[in-house]
N, C-alpha and C. Protein backbone atom coordinates (compact mmCIF):
# COMPACT_ATOMS: atom_id res chain seq x y z
N UNK A 1 15.28 -15.24 -14.02
CA UNK A 1 16.21 -15.95 -13.17
C UNK A 1 16.77 -17.13 -13.95
N UNK A 2 18.07 -17.23 -13.99
CA UNK A 2 18.70 -18.38 -14.62
C UNK A 2 20.02 -18.66 -13.93
N UNK A 3 20.75 -19.61 -14.45
CA UNK A 3 21.98 -20.03 -13.76
C UNK A 3 23.22 -19.50 -14.48
N UNK A 4 23.28 -18.20 -14.65
CA UNK A 4 24.46 -17.59 -15.24
C UNK A 4 25.56 -17.48 -14.20
N UNK A 5 26.74 -17.07 -14.63
CA UNK A 5 27.88 -16.93 -13.73
C UNK A 5 27.65 -15.76 -12.77
N UNK A 6 27.79 -15.98 -11.46
CA UNK A 6 27.62 -14.89 -10.50
C UNK A 6 28.96 -14.51 -9.85
N UNK A 7 30.03 -14.73 -10.58
CA UNK A 7 31.35 -14.40 -10.04
C UNK A 7 31.79 -12.99 -10.40
N UNK A 8 30.88 -12.15 -10.86
CA UNK A 8 31.27 -10.80 -11.25
C UNK A 8 31.49 -9.94 -10.00
N UNK A 9 32.08 -8.79 -10.21
CA UNK A 9 32.43 -7.87 -9.14
C UNK A 9 31.20 -7.45 -8.32
N UNK A 10 31.36 -7.44 -7.00
CA UNK A 10 30.27 -7.04 -6.10
C UNK A 10 30.32 -5.52 -5.93
N UNK A 11 29.22 -4.85 -6.31
CA UNK A 11 29.13 -3.40 -6.20
C UNK A 11 28.46 -2.97 -4.89
N UNK A 12 27.67 -3.87 -4.31
CA UNK A 12 26.96 -3.60 -3.06
C UNK A 12 26.71 -4.94 -2.38
N UNK A 13 26.91 -4.97 -1.08
CA UNK A 13 26.64 -6.18 -0.30
C UNK A 13 26.05 -5.77 1.04
N UNK A 14 25.01 -6.48 1.44
CA UNK A 14 24.39 -6.21 2.73
C UNK A 14 23.96 -7.54 3.34
N UNK A 15 24.27 -7.71 4.61
CA UNK A 15 23.80 -8.86 5.38
C UNK A 15 22.90 -8.34 6.47
N UNK A 16 21.70 -8.91 6.56
CA UNK A 16 20.73 -8.48 7.56
C UNK A 16 20.24 -9.69 8.35
N UNK A 17 19.94 -9.45 9.60
CA UNK A 17 19.39 -10.48 10.48
C UNK A 17 18.12 -9.95 11.14
N UNK A 18 17.33 -10.87 11.67
CA UNK A 18 16.16 -10.47 12.42
C UNK A 18 16.62 -9.72 13.67
N UNK A 19 16.15 -8.47 13.84
CA UNK A 19 16.57 -7.67 14.98
C UNK A 19 15.39 -7.16 15.81
N UNK A 20 14.18 -7.58 15.47
CA UNK A 20 13.01 -7.10 16.18
C UNK A 20 13.06 -7.55 17.64
N UNK A 21 12.98 -6.59 18.55
CA UNK A 21 13.04 -6.88 19.98
C UNK A 21 11.92 -7.82 20.40
N UNK A 22 10.71 -7.57 19.93
CA UNK A 22 9.56 -8.40 20.31
C UNK A 22 9.78 -9.86 19.90
N UNK A 23 10.41 -10.09 18.74
CA UNK A 23 10.67 -11.45 18.27
C UNK A 23 11.67 -12.15 19.19
N UNK A 24 12.75 -11.45 19.55
CA UNK A 24 13.76 -12.05 20.42
C UNK A 24 13.24 -12.26 21.83
N UNK A 25 12.34 -11.41 22.29
CA UNK A 25 11.71 -11.64 23.61
C UNK A 25 10.89 -12.93 23.57
N UNK A 26 10.11 -13.11 22.50
CA UNK A 26 9.33 -14.34 22.36
C UNK A 26 10.22 -15.57 22.28
N UNK A 27 11.32 -15.48 21.53
CA UNK A 27 12.23 -16.62 21.41
C UNK A 27 12.87 -16.95 22.75
N UNK A 28 13.33 -15.93 23.47
CA UNK A 28 13.96 -16.15 24.78
C UNK A 28 12.95 -16.71 25.78
N UNK A 29 11.76 -16.13 25.80
CA UNK A 29 10.73 -16.64 26.73
C UNK A 29 10.34 -18.07 26.37
N UNK A 30 10.19 -18.34 25.09
CA UNK A 30 9.84 -19.68 24.66
C UNK A 30 10.92 -20.71 24.97
N UNK A 31 12.17 -20.30 24.85
CA UNK A 31 13.26 -21.24 25.13
C UNK A 31 13.55 -21.36 26.63
N UNK A 32 13.01 -20.44 27.43
CA UNK A 32 13.23 -20.49 28.88
C UNK A 32 12.53 -21.69 29.52
N UNK A 33 11.37 -22.06 29.01
CA UNK A 33 10.62 -23.18 29.60
C UNK A 33 11.40 -24.49 29.53
N UNK A 34 11.97 -24.87 28.39
CA UNK A 34 12.78 -26.09 28.37
C UNK A 34 14.01 -25.99 29.29
N UNK A 35 14.59 -24.79 29.40
CA UNK A 35 15.73 -24.62 30.30
C UNK A 35 15.30 -24.87 31.75
N UNK A 36 14.16 -24.30 32.12
CA UNK A 36 13.65 -24.51 33.48
C UNK A 36 13.39 -26.00 33.72
N UNK A 37 12.78 -26.64 32.72
CA UNK A 37 12.48 -28.07 32.84
C UNK A 37 13.72 -28.92 33.02
N UNK A 38 14.75 -28.68 32.24
CA UNK A 38 15.97 -29.50 32.33
C UNK A 38 16.71 -29.22 33.64
N UNK A 39 16.71 -27.96 34.07
CA UNK A 39 17.39 -27.63 35.33
C UNK A 39 16.67 -28.28 36.51
N UNK A 40 15.34 -28.11 36.56
CA UNK A 40 14.58 -28.66 37.69
C UNK A 40 14.60 -30.19 37.70
N UNK A 41 14.24 -30.80 36.58
CA UNK A 41 14.04 -32.25 36.59
C UNK A 41 15.33 -33.03 36.42
N UNK A 42 16.17 -32.66 35.47
CA UNK A 42 17.35 -33.47 35.18
C UNK A 42 18.50 -33.14 36.15
N UNK A 43 18.73 -31.86 36.40
CA UNK A 43 19.86 -31.48 37.24
C UNK A 43 19.52 -31.55 38.72
N UNK A 44 18.38 -30.96 39.12
CA UNK A 44 18.01 -30.91 40.55
C UNK A 44 17.18 -32.11 40.99
N UNK A 45 16.68 -32.90 40.04
CA UNK A 45 15.92 -34.10 40.38
C UNK A 45 14.51 -33.84 40.88
N UNK A 46 13.97 -32.65 40.63
CA UNK A 46 12.61 -32.32 41.05
C UNK A 46 11.66 -32.53 39.88
N UNK A 47 10.46 -32.93 40.19
CA UNK A 47 9.44 -33.18 39.17
C UNK A 47 9.07 -31.86 38.48
N UNK A 48 9.04 -31.87 37.14
CA UNK A 48 8.66 -30.68 36.37
C UNK A 48 7.27 -30.92 35.77
N UNK A 49 6.25 -30.31 36.37
CA UNK A 49 4.87 -30.47 35.92
C UNK A 49 4.14 -31.55 36.69
N UNK A 50 2.83 -31.67 36.44
CA UNK A 50 1.99 -32.65 37.13
C UNK A 50 2.18 -34.07 36.60
N UNK A 51 2.54 -34.18 35.34
CA UNK A 51 2.73 -35.49 34.71
C UNK A 51 4.06 -35.44 33.96
N UNK A 52 5.18 -35.50 34.68
CA UNK A 52 6.48 -35.25 34.05
C UNK A 52 6.87 -36.31 33.01
N UNK A 53 7.53 -35.81 31.97
CA UNK A 53 8.06 -36.69 30.93
C UNK A 53 9.34 -37.33 31.44
N UNK A 54 9.76 -38.43 30.82
CA UNK A 54 11.06 -39.02 31.19
C UNK A 54 12.19 -38.02 30.92
N UNK A 55 13.28 -38.17 31.65
CA UNK A 55 14.42 -37.24 31.51
C UNK A 55 14.91 -37.11 30.08
N UNK A 56 14.92 -38.21 29.33
CA UNK A 56 15.45 -38.14 27.96
C UNK A 56 14.57 -37.27 27.06
N UNK A 57 13.27 -37.25 27.32
CA UNK A 57 12.37 -36.38 26.55
C UNK A 57 12.58 -34.93 26.95
N UNK A 58 12.75 -34.68 28.24
CA UNK A 58 13.02 -33.32 28.72
C UNK A 58 14.31 -32.80 28.09
N UNK A 59 15.33 -33.65 28.03
CA UNK A 59 16.61 -33.26 27.42
C UNK A 59 16.43 -33.01 25.92
N UNK A 60 15.68 -33.86 25.25
CA UNK A 60 15.43 -33.68 23.82
C UNK A 60 14.70 -32.37 23.54
N UNK A 61 13.66 -32.09 24.32
CA UNK A 61 12.91 -30.83 24.17
C UNK A 61 13.83 -29.64 24.43
N UNK A 62 14.68 -29.74 25.44
CA UNK A 62 15.65 -28.67 25.76
C UNK A 62 16.62 -28.45 24.59
N UNK A 63 17.14 -29.56 24.01
CA UNK A 63 18.07 -29.43 22.88
C UNK A 63 17.41 -28.77 21.67
N UNK A 64 16.18 -29.19 21.37
CA UNK A 64 15.49 -28.66 20.18
C UNK A 64 15.01 -27.24 20.40
N UNK A 65 14.27 -26.99 21.49
CA UNK A 65 13.63 -25.69 21.69
C UNK A 65 14.43 -24.73 22.57
N UNK A 66 15.19 -25.25 23.49
CA UNK A 66 15.98 -24.40 24.38
C UNK A 66 17.28 -23.94 23.76
N UNK A 67 17.86 -24.78 22.90
CA UNK A 67 19.13 -24.43 22.26
C UNK A 67 18.97 -24.28 20.74
N UNK A 68 18.34 -25.27 20.11
CA UNK A 68 18.24 -25.30 18.65
C UNK A 68 17.46 -24.14 18.06
N UNK A 69 16.29 -23.85 18.60
CA UNK A 69 15.45 -22.78 18.05
C UNK A 69 16.12 -21.41 18.11
N UNK A 70 16.68 -21.00 19.27
CA UNK A 70 17.37 -19.70 19.28
C UNK A 70 18.57 -19.67 18.33
N UNK A 71 19.35 -20.76 18.26
CA UNK A 71 20.48 -20.79 17.33
C UNK A 71 20.02 -20.72 15.87
N UNK A 72 18.91 -21.40 15.57
CA UNK A 72 18.36 -21.35 14.23
C UNK A 72 17.98 -19.93 13.84
N UNK A 73 17.22 -19.23 14.70
CA UNK A 73 16.83 -17.85 14.39
C UNK A 73 18.04 -16.94 14.30
N UNK A 74 19.04 -17.18 15.13
CA UNK A 74 20.25 -16.35 15.06
C UNK A 74 21.00 -16.57 13.74
N UNK A 75 20.93 -17.78 13.20
CA UNK A 75 21.67 -18.09 11.96
C UNK A 75 21.01 -17.53 10.71
N UNK A 76 19.72 -17.19 10.79
CA UNK A 76 19.01 -16.69 9.60
C UNK A 76 19.54 -15.33 9.22
N UNK A 77 19.87 -15.19 7.93
CA UNK A 77 20.30 -13.88 7.44
C UNK A 77 19.97 -13.74 5.96
N UNK A 78 19.70 -12.51 5.58
CA UNK A 78 19.45 -12.17 4.19
C UNK A 78 20.70 -11.50 3.65
N UNK A 79 21.28 -12.13 2.64
CA UNK A 79 22.48 -11.58 2.00
C UNK A 79 22.05 -11.05 0.63
N UNK A 80 22.32 -9.78 0.41
CA UNK A 80 21.97 -9.13 -0.85
C UNK A 80 23.24 -8.64 -1.51
N UNK A 81 23.41 -8.97 -2.77
CA UNK A 81 24.56 -8.47 -3.52
C UNK A 81 24.10 -7.91 -4.85
N UNK A 82 24.64 -6.75 -5.17
CA UNK A 82 24.46 -6.18 -6.50
C UNK A 82 25.78 -6.41 -7.22
N UNK A 83 25.69 -7.10 -8.34
CA UNK A 83 26.87 -7.37 -9.15
C UNK A 83 26.64 -6.79 -10.53
N UNK A 84 27.66 -6.83 -11.34
CA UNK A 84 27.56 -6.26 -12.68
C UNK A 84 26.52 -6.95 -13.54
N UNK A 85 26.22 -8.22 -13.23
CA UNK A 85 25.27 -8.96 -14.06
C UNK A 85 23.85 -8.98 -13.49
N UNK A 86 23.66 -8.63 -12.20
CA UNK A 86 22.32 -8.67 -11.64
C UNK A 86 22.32 -8.56 -10.13
N UNK A 87 21.15 -8.81 -9.56
CA UNK A 87 20.95 -8.76 -8.12
C UNK A 87 20.86 -10.20 -7.63
N UNK A 88 21.64 -10.50 -6.60
CA UNK A 88 21.74 -11.87 -6.10
C UNK A 88 21.35 -11.89 -4.62
N UNK A 89 20.43 -12.79 -4.28
CA UNK A 89 19.90 -12.88 -2.92
C UNK A 89 20.10 -14.28 -2.37
N UNK A 90 20.42 -14.33 -1.10
CA UNK A 90 20.50 -15.62 -0.41
C UNK A 90 19.89 -15.45 0.96
N UNK A 91 18.83 -16.18 1.23
CA UNK A 91 18.18 -16.16 2.54
C UNK A 91 18.64 -17.42 3.26
N UNK A 92 19.77 -17.29 3.97
CA UNK A 92 20.39 -18.43 4.64
C UNK A 92 19.60 -18.75 5.90
N UNK A 93 19.34 -19.97 6.22
CA UNK A 93 19.76 -21.23 5.64
C UNK A 93 18.77 -21.84 4.63
N UNK A 94 17.77 -21.07 4.23
CA UNK A 94 16.74 -21.60 3.32
C UNK A 94 17.23 -21.75 1.89
N UNK A 95 18.09 -20.85 1.46
CA UNK A 95 18.66 -20.94 0.11
C UNK A 95 20.08 -21.47 0.21
N UNK A 96 20.34 -22.54 -0.48
CA UNK A 96 21.70 -23.09 -0.50
C UNK A 96 22.61 -22.26 -1.40
N UNK A 97 22.03 -21.67 -2.45
CA UNK A 97 22.78 -20.84 -3.39
C UNK A 97 22.06 -19.51 -3.53
N UNK A 98 22.72 -18.55 -4.14
CA UNK A 98 22.10 -17.26 -4.42
C UNK A 98 20.98 -17.43 -5.44
N UNK A 99 19.90 -16.68 -5.24
CA UNK A 99 18.86 -16.54 -6.26
C UNK A 99 19.25 -15.29 -7.04
N UNK A 100 19.25 -15.40 -8.34
CA UNK A 100 19.74 -14.32 -9.18
C UNK A 100 18.64 -13.71 -10.03
N UNK A 101 18.62 -12.39 -10.05
CA UNK A 101 17.71 -11.62 -10.90
C UNK A 101 18.60 -10.76 -11.80
N UNK A 102 18.62 -11.11 -13.07
CA UNK A 102 19.53 -10.45 -14.01
C UNK A 102 18.88 -9.20 -14.59
N UNK A 103 19.72 -8.20 -14.88
CA UNK A 103 19.21 -6.93 -15.37
C UNK A 103 18.40 -7.09 -16.65
N UNK A 104 18.77 -8.05 -17.47
CA UNK A 104 18.03 -8.27 -18.72
C UNK A 104 16.61 -8.75 -18.46
N UNK A 105 16.33 -9.23 -17.24
CA UNK A 105 14.98 -9.69 -16.88
C UNK A 105 14.19 -8.65 -16.07
N UNK A 106 14.85 -7.53 -15.73
CA UNK A 106 14.22 -6.51 -14.88
C UNK A 106 13.70 -5.37 -15.75
N UNK A 107 12.42 -5.07 -15.57
CA UNK A 107 11.79 -3.97 -16.30
C UNK A 107 12.01 -2.64 -15.59
N UNK A 108 11.86 -2.63 -14.25
CA UNK A 108 12.04 -1.40 -13.49
C UNK A 108 12.43 -1.73 -12.05
N UNK A 109 12.91 -0.70 -11.35
CA UNK A 109 13.29 -0.85 -9.94
C UNK A 109 13.17 0.49 -9.27
N UNK A 110 12.82 0.48 -7.98
CA UNK A 110 12.72 1.72 -7.22
C UNK A 110 12.89 1.43 -5.74
N UNK A 111 13.54 2.37 -5.06
CA UNK A 111 13.64 2.29 -3.60
C UNK A 111 12.32 2.81 -3.05
N UNK A 112 11.80 2.14 -2.01
CA UNK A 112 10.53 2.59 -1.45
C UNK A 112 10.36 2.11 -0.01
N UNK A 113 9.44 2.79 0.69
CA UNK A 113 9.00 2.32 2.00
C UNK A 113 7.82 1.40 1.77
N UNK A 114 7.65 0.43 2.63
CA UNK A 114 6.52 -0.48 2.52
C UNK A 114 6.02 -0.83 3.91
N UNK A 115 4.86 -1.48 3.96
CA UNK A 115 4.27 -1.90 5.23
C UNK A 115 4.39 -3.42 5.31
N UNK A 116 5.41 -3.92 6.04
CA UNK A 116 5.68 -5.36 6.05
C UNK A 116 4.48 -6.23 6.42
N UNK A 117 3.75 -5.85 7.44
CA UNK A 117 2.63 -6.68 7.88
C UNK A 117 1.44 -6.53 6.93
N UNK A 118 1.08 -5.31 6.60
CA UNK A 118 -0.08 -5.07 5.75
C UNK A 118 0.13 -5.58 4.33
N UNK A 119 1.31 -5.32 3.75
CA UNK A 119 1.54 -5.69 2.35
C UNK A 119 1.99 -7.14 2.17
N UNK A 120 2.75 -7.66 3.15
CA UNK A 120 3.37 -8.98 2.96
C UNK A 120 3.08 -9.97 4.08
N UNK A 121 2.37 -9.55 5.11
CA UNK A 121 2.07 -10.46 6.20
C UNK A 121 3.22 -10.67 7.16
N UNK A 122 4.22 -9.80 7.12
CA UNK A 122 5.34 -9.89 8.05
C UNK A 122 6.68 -9.92 7.36
N UNK A 123 7.65 -10.55 8.03
CA UNK A 123 9.02 -10.59 7.55
C UNK A 123 9.39 -12.02 7.20
N UNK A 124 10.42 -12.18 6.41
CA UNK A 124 10.89 -13.50 5.98
C UNK A 124 10.82 -13.59 4.47
N UNK A 125 10.62 -14.79 3.97
CA UNK A 125 10.36 -14.99 2.55
C UNK A 125 8.84 -15.01 2.45
N UNK A 126 8.27 -13.99 1.84
CA UNK A 126 6.83 -13.82 1.84
C UNK A 126 6.28 -13.87 0.42
N UNK A 127 5.49 -14.88 0.15
CA UNK A 127 4.84 -15.01 -1.15
C UNK A 127 3.52 -14.27 -1.14
N UNK A 128 3.32 -13.42 -2.12
CA UNK A 128 2.06 -12.70 -2.27
C UNK A 128 1.61 -12.85 -3.73
N UNK A 129 0.37 -12.51 -3.98
CA UNK A 129 -0.13 -12.60 -5.35
C UNK A 129 0.71 -11.68 -6.23
N UNK A 130 1.31 -12.25 -7.25
CA UNK A 130 2.10 -11.46 -8.20
C UNK A 130 3.54 -11.21 -7.80
N UNK A 131 3.99 -11.81 -6.71
CA UNK A 131 5.37 -11.54 -6.35
C UNK A 131 5.83 -12.22 -5.08
N UNK A 132 6.97 -11.72 -4.60
CA UNK A 132 7.62 -12.29 -3.42
C UNK A 132 8.41 -11.18 -2.73
N UNK A 133 8.52 -11.29 -1.42
CA UNK A 133 9.34 -10.35 -0.66
C UNK A 133 10.38 -11.13 0.12
N UNK A 134 11.57 -10.55 0.20
CA UNK A 134 12.65 -11.07 1.03
C UNK A 134 12.98 -9.95 2.00
N UNK A 135 12.63 -10.11 3.27
CA UNK A 135 12.90 -9.05 4.23
C UNK A 135 13.08 -9.64 5.62
N UNK A 136 13.87 -8.98 6.44
CA UNK A 136 14.08 -9.45 7.81
C UNK A 136 13.87 -8.36 8.85
N UNK A 137 13.87 -7.11 8.42
CA UNK A 137 13.80 -6.04 9.41
C UNK A 137 13.44 -4.73 8.73
N UNK A 138 12.68 -3.92 9.39
CA UNK A 138 12.41 -2.57 8.91
C UNK A 138 11.32 -2.49 7.86
N UNK A 139 11.25 -1.31 7.22
CA UNK A 139 10.20 -1.05 6.25
C UNK A 139 10.71 -0.36 4.98
N UNK A 140 12.00 -0.53 4.71
CA UNK A 140 12.59 0.05 3.50
C UNK A 140 13.04 -1.08 2.59
N UNK A 141 12.87 -0.85 1.29
CA UNK A 141 13.26 -1.90 0.37
C UNK A 141 13.45 -1.39 -1.03
N UNK A 142 13.83 -2.29 -1.88
CA UNK A 142 13.96 -2.01 -3.29
C UNK A 142 12.97 -2.91 -4.02
N UNK A 143 12.08 -2.30 -4.77
CA UNK A 143 11.05 -3.03 -5.51
C UNK A 143 11.53 -3.25 -6.93
N UNK A 144 11.61 -4.52 -7.31
CA UNK A 144 11.94 -4.87 -8.69
C UNK A 144 10.66 -5.30 -9.38
N UNK A 145 10.50 -4.89 -10.63
CA UNK A 145 9.41 -5.40 -11.45
C UNK A 145 10.08 -6.09 -12.63
N UNK A 146 9.85 -7.38 -12.74
CA UNK A 146 10.46 -8.15 -13.82
C UNK A 146 9.65 -7.97 -15.10
N UNK A 147 10.24 -8.30 -16.22
CA UNK A 147 9.56 -8.17 -17.50
C UNK A 147 8.33 -9.06 -17.59
N UNK A 148 8.29 -10.13 -16.80
CA UNK A 148 7.10 -11.00 -16.76
C UNK A 148 6.05 -10.46 -15.79
N UNK A 149 6.27 -9.23 -15.27
CA UNK A 149 5.38 -8.50 -14.36
C UNK A 149 5.41 -9.00 -12.91
N UNK A 150 6.22 -9.99 -12.61
CA UNK A 150 6.38 -10.45 -11.24
C UNK A 150 7.11 -9.37 -10.45
N UNK A 151 6.67 -9.13 -9.22
CA UNK A 151 7.30 -8.12 -8.37
C UNK A 151 8.13 -8.79 -7.29
N UNK A 152 9.34 -8.28 -7.09
CA UNK A 152 10.26 -8.77 -6.07
C UNK A 152 10.59 -7.59 -5.16
N UNK A 153 10.31 -7.74 -3.87
CA UNK A 153 10.69 -6.70 -2.92
C UNK A 153 11.85 -7.24 -2.10
N UNK A 154 12.93 -6.46 -2.03
CA UNK A 154 14.10 -6.84 -1.24
C UNK A 154 14.25 -5.82 -0.12
N UNK A 155 14.07 -6.25 1.12
CA UNK A 155 14.23 -5.35 2.25
C UNK A 155 15.69 -4.95 2.39
N UNK A 156 15.91 -3.72 2.84
CA UNK A 156 17.27 -3.21 3.00
C UNK A 156 17.30 -2.13 4.07
N UNK A 157 18.43 -2.00 4.72
CA UNK A 157 18.66 -0.91 5.65
C UNK A 157 19.43 0.22 4.96
N UNK A 158 19.82 -0.02 3.71
CA UNK A 158 20.60 0.94 2.94
C UNK A 158 19.97 1.14 1.56
N UNK A 159 18.74 1.67 1.50
CA UNK A 159 18.04 1.74 0.21
C UNK A 159 18.74 2.60 -0.83
N UNK A 160 19.32 3.70 -0.41
CA UNK A 160 19.97 4.59 -1.39
C UNK A 160 21.23 3.95 -1.97
N UNK A 161 22.05 3.33 -1.11
CA UNK A 161 23.26 2.65 -1.61
C UNK A 161 22.90 1.50 -2.55
N UNK A 162 21.88 0.74 -2.17
CA UNK A 162 21.40 -0.38 -2.97
C UNK A 162 20.95 0.13 -4.34
N UNK A 163 20.12 1.16 -4.34
CA UNK A 163 19.61 1.75 -5.58
C UNK A 163 20.74 2.26 -6.47
N UNK A 164 21.67 2.99 -5.87
CA UNK A 164 22.78 3.57 -6.65
C UNK A 164 23.68 2.48 -7.24
N UNK A 165 23.87 1.39 -6.53
CA UNK A 165 24.69 0.29 -7.05
C UNK A 165 24.02 -0.34 -8.27
N UNK A 166 22.70 -0.51 -8.20
CA UNK A 166 21.98 -1.05 -9.36
C UNK A 166 22.07 -0.08 -10.52
N UNK A 167 21.86 1.20 -10.24
CA UNK A 167 21.93 2.23 -11.29
C UNK A 167 23.29 2.21 -11.97
N UNK A 168 24.34 2.08 -11.17
CA UNK A 168 25.70 2.02 -11.72
C UNK A 168 25.88 0.77 -12.59
N UNK A 169 25.42 -0.36 -12.09
CA UNK A 169 25.57 -1.61 -12.85
C UNK A 169 24.77 -1.57 -14.14
N UNK A 170 23.54 -1.07 -14.08
CA UNK A 170 22.68 -1.00 -15.26
C UNK A 170 23.29 -0.08 -16.31
N UNK A 171 23.89 1.02 -15.88
CA UNK A 171 24.48 1.96 -16.84
C UNK A 171 25.68 1.34 -17.57
N UNK A 172 26.27 0.31 -17.00
CA UNK A 172 27.41 -0.38 -17.64
C UNK A 172 26.97 -1.56 -18.49
N UNK A 173 25.69 -1.91 -18.42
CA UNK A 173 25.16 -3.04 -19.19
C UNK A 173 24.36 -2.53 -20.37
N UNK A 174 24.53 -3.14 -21.48
CA UNK A 174 23.73 -2.81 -22.66
C UNK A 174 22.74 -3.93 -22.89
N UNK A 175 21.50 -3.67 -22.57
CA UNK A 175 20.46 -4.67 -22.84
C UNK A 175 19.18 -4.01 -23.27
């Protein structure tokens, strides 16, 4: 990984978001409590709980957990691009810029199925011994092995297209 120019032609692009139903149910249920609190206490003037907080705290909790948390999870996305010079990843909003893995640093790559919970402890940016995974949904990915033996797993809903784009780019690069 280095800071080379990433303005080369995009051969493959994929944007993925968290789509797990169970996750969105938890987020909606979790954000419902602050909504109930603000409606009951601030709007209707009824006490919310046995020892109610001041209205400004109820409003603050509602803003952070009732509105902010769902919007935050909705904004998270994994952007994957295959370009002529390498594979570029951005896990928004955690990465301000693309993380780049250049072909000259990659020893091998393969499309594969994986077990997100068993192998990586779930979805997201997952650090494991000897590598890292970037995934948001599903169990398909592209496994990169760098020349330094570090493994990078990139989750994808389009493993064959992703693989073929890398194959095409690698065949045009002499390294």
